Amino acid sequence: HLNTRSVECNAYMRDDGLWEVEAWLRDPNPSPQPADRFRGELKPGDPVHDIGVRLAIDDSMTIHEAQAMLRETPDPTCIQ
């Protein structure tokens, strides 16, 4: 087993009438990885990626707000 990647999406109706849609991409590390020049040691279950996006949209699918969230990435260039 080398990798499992999952995407989870949730949608909520906000009090202001907009839909808030949040999606997360996660891939937990299946085996120990030694520290490298960017991150410390990864234990099994630690995320390689834990990145998300949150959108606020109306009924016509117009985007009113957008936010990217990068909790964990394997390399600083992922954030750039």
C-alpha atoms as a PDB file:
ATOM      1  CA  HIS A   1       0.000   0.000   0.000  1.00  0.00           C
ATOM      2  CA  LEU A   2       1.559   3.262  -1.135  1.00  0.00           C
ATOM      3  CA  ASN A   3      -1.112   5.934  -0.824  1.00  0.00           C
ATOM      4  CA  THR A   4      -4.762   6.676  -0.109  1.00  0.00           C
ATOM      5  CA  ARG A   5      -6.167  10.041  -1.103  1.00  0.00           C
ATOM      6  CA  SER A   6      -9.658  11.160  -0.165  1.00  0.00           C
ATOM      7  CA  VAL A   7     -11.779  14.200  -0.955  1.00  0.00           C
ATOM      8  CA  GLU A   8     -14.584  15.162   1.395  1.00  0.00           C
ATOM      9  CA  CYS A   9     -17.159  17.810   0.479  1.00  0.00           C
ATOM     10  CA  ASN A  10     -19.798  19.345   2.744  1.00  0.00           C
ATOM     11  CA  ALA A  11     -22.386  22.031   2.017  1.00  0.00           C
ATOM     12  CA  TYR A  12     -24.286  24.228   4.452  1.00  0.00           C
ATOM     13  CA  MET A  13     -27.023  26.836   4.065  1.00  0.00           C
ATOM     14  CA  ARG A  14     -25.941  30.045   5.759  1.00  0.00           C
ATOM     15  CA  ASP A  15     -28.189  32.544   7.545  1.00  0.00           C
ATOM     16  CA  ASP A  16     -27.469  35.094   4.778  1.00  0.00           C
ATOM     17  CA  GLY A  17     -28.963  32.779   2.106  1.00  0.00           C
ATOM     18  CA  LEU A  18     -25.632  31.735   0.596  1.00  0.00           C
ATOM     19  CA  TRP A  19     -24.445  28.140   0.336  1.00  0.00           C
ATOM     20  CA  GLU A  20     -21.117  27.436   2.001  1.00  0.00           C
ATOM     21  CA  VAL A  21     -19.290  24.549   0.348  1.00  0.00           C
ATOM     22  CA  GLU A  22     -16.141  23.174   1.927  1.00  0.00           C
ATOM     23  CA  ALA A  23     -13.914  20.490   0.402  1.00  0.00           C
ATOM     24  CA  TRP A  24     -10.810  18.806   1.845  1.00  0.00           C
ATOM     25  CA  LEU A  25      -8.173  16.705   0.125  1.00  0.00           C
ATOM     26  CA  ARG A  26      -6.277  14.488   2.536  1.00  0.00           C
ATOM     27  CA  ASP A  27      -3.771  11.690   2.098  1.00  0.00           C
ATOM     28  CA  PRO A  28      -2.549  10.117   5.317  1.00  0.00           C
ATOM     29  CA  ASN A  29       0.935   8.707   5.257  1.00  0.00           C
ATOM     30  CA  PRO A  30       0.794   4.865   5.234  1.00  0.00           C
ATOM     31  CA  SER A  31       4.272   4.252   6.666  1.00  0.00           C
ATOM     32  CA  PRO A  32       6.981   6.150   8.571  1.00  0.00           C
ATOM     33  CA  GLN A  33       8.976   8.706   6.584  1.00  0.00           C
ATOM     34  CA  PRO A  34      12.177  10.276   7.870  1.00  0.00           C
ATOM     35  CA  ALA A  35      12.427  14.026   8.273  1.00  0.00           C
ATOM     36  CA  ASP A  36      13.513  15.947   5.205  1.00  0.00           C
ATOM     37  CA  ARG A  37      14.594  19.540   4.706  1.00  0.00           C
ATOM     38  CA  PHE A  38      10.980  20.796   4.728  1.00  0.00           C
ATOM     39  CA  ARG A  39       9.139  18.706   7.317  1.00  0.00           C
ATOM     40  CA  GLY A  40       9.804  16.640  10.371  1.00  0.00           C
ATOM     41  CA  GLU A  41       9.337  12.900  10.512  1.00  0.00           C
ATOM     42  CA  LEU A  42       5.947  11.632   9.339  1.00  0.00           C
ATOM     43  CA  LYS A  43       4.397   8.827  11.332  1.00  0.00           C
ATOM     44  CA  PRO A  44       1.753   6.477   9.882  1.00  0.00           C
ATOM     45  CA  GLY A  45      -1.510   8.415   9.708  1.00  0.00           C
ATOM     46  CA  ASP A  46       0.136  11.856   9.569  1.00  0.00           C
ATOM     47  CA  PRO A  47      -1.155  13.789   6.556  1.00  0.00           C
ATOM     48  CA  VAL A  48       1.101  14.306   3.548  1.00  0.00           C
ATOM     49  CA  HIS A  49      -1.498  16.772   2.230  1.00  0.00           C
ATOM     50  CA  ASP A  50      -4.334  18.347   4.202  1.00  0.00           C
ATOM     51  CA  ILE A  51      -5.656  21.083   1.952  1.00  0.00           C
ATOM     52  CA  GLY A  52      -9.080  22.591   1.564  1.00  0.00           C
ATOM     53  CA  VAL A  53     -11.190  25.180  -0.134  1.00  0.00           C
ATOM     54  CA  ARG A  54     -14.260  27.015   1.143  1.00  0.00           C
ATOM     55  CA  LEU A  55     -16.681  28.768  -1.187  1.00  0.00           C
ATOM     56  CA  ALA A  56     -19.789  30.829  -0.525  1.00  0.00           C
ATOM     57  CA  ILE A  57     -22.116  30.659  -3.522  1.00  0.00           C
ATOM     58  CA  ASP A  58     -25.644  31.754  -4.329  1.00  0.00           C
ATOM     59  CA  ASP A  59     -28.378  29.754  -6.074  1.00  0.00           C
ATOM     60  CA  SER A  60     -27.053  30.803  -9.509  1.00  0.00           C
ATOM     61  CA  MET A  61     -23.588  29.407  -8.564  1.00  0.00           C
ATOM     62  CA  THR A  62     -21.984  32.857  -8.402  1.00  0.00           C
ATOM     63  CA  ILE A  63     -19.008  32.769  -6.035  1.00  0.00           C
ATOM     64  CA  HIS A  64     -19.195  35.468  -3.363  1.00  0.00           C
ATOM     65  CA  GLU A  65     -16.311  34.307  -1.141  1.00  0.00           C
ATOM     66  CA  ALA A  66     -13.396  31.932  -1.595  1.00  0.00           C
ATOM     67  CA  GLN A  67     -10.753  30.748   0.833  1.00  0.00           C
ATOM     68  CA  ALA A  68      -7.909  28.238   0.435  1.00  0.00           C
ATOM     69  CA  MET A  69      -6.638  26.356   3.490  1.00  0.00           C
ATOM     70  CA  LEU A  70      -3.321  24.516   3.511  1.00  0.00           C
ATOM     71  CA  ARG A  71      -2.836  22.791   6.861  1.00  0.00           C
ATOM     72  CA  GLU A  72      -0.162  20.347   5.692  1.00  0.00           C
ATOM     73  CA  THR A  73       1.873  20.146   2.502  1.00  0.00           C
ATOM     74  CA  PRO A  74       5.013  18.158   1.681  1.00  0.00           C
ATOM     75  CA  ASP A  75       6.874  21.131   0.226  1.00  0.00           C
ATOM     76  CA  PRO A  76       6.756  24.950   0.594  1.00  0.00           C
ATOM     77  CA  THR A  77       6.134  25.301  -3.154  1.00  0.00           C
ATOM     78  CA  CYS A  78       2.678  23.785  -2.610  1.00  0.00           C
ATOM     79  CA  ILE A  79       1.729  26.909  -0.643  1.00  0.00           C
ATOM     80  CA  GLN A  80       3.265  29.313  -3.148  1.00  0.00           C
END
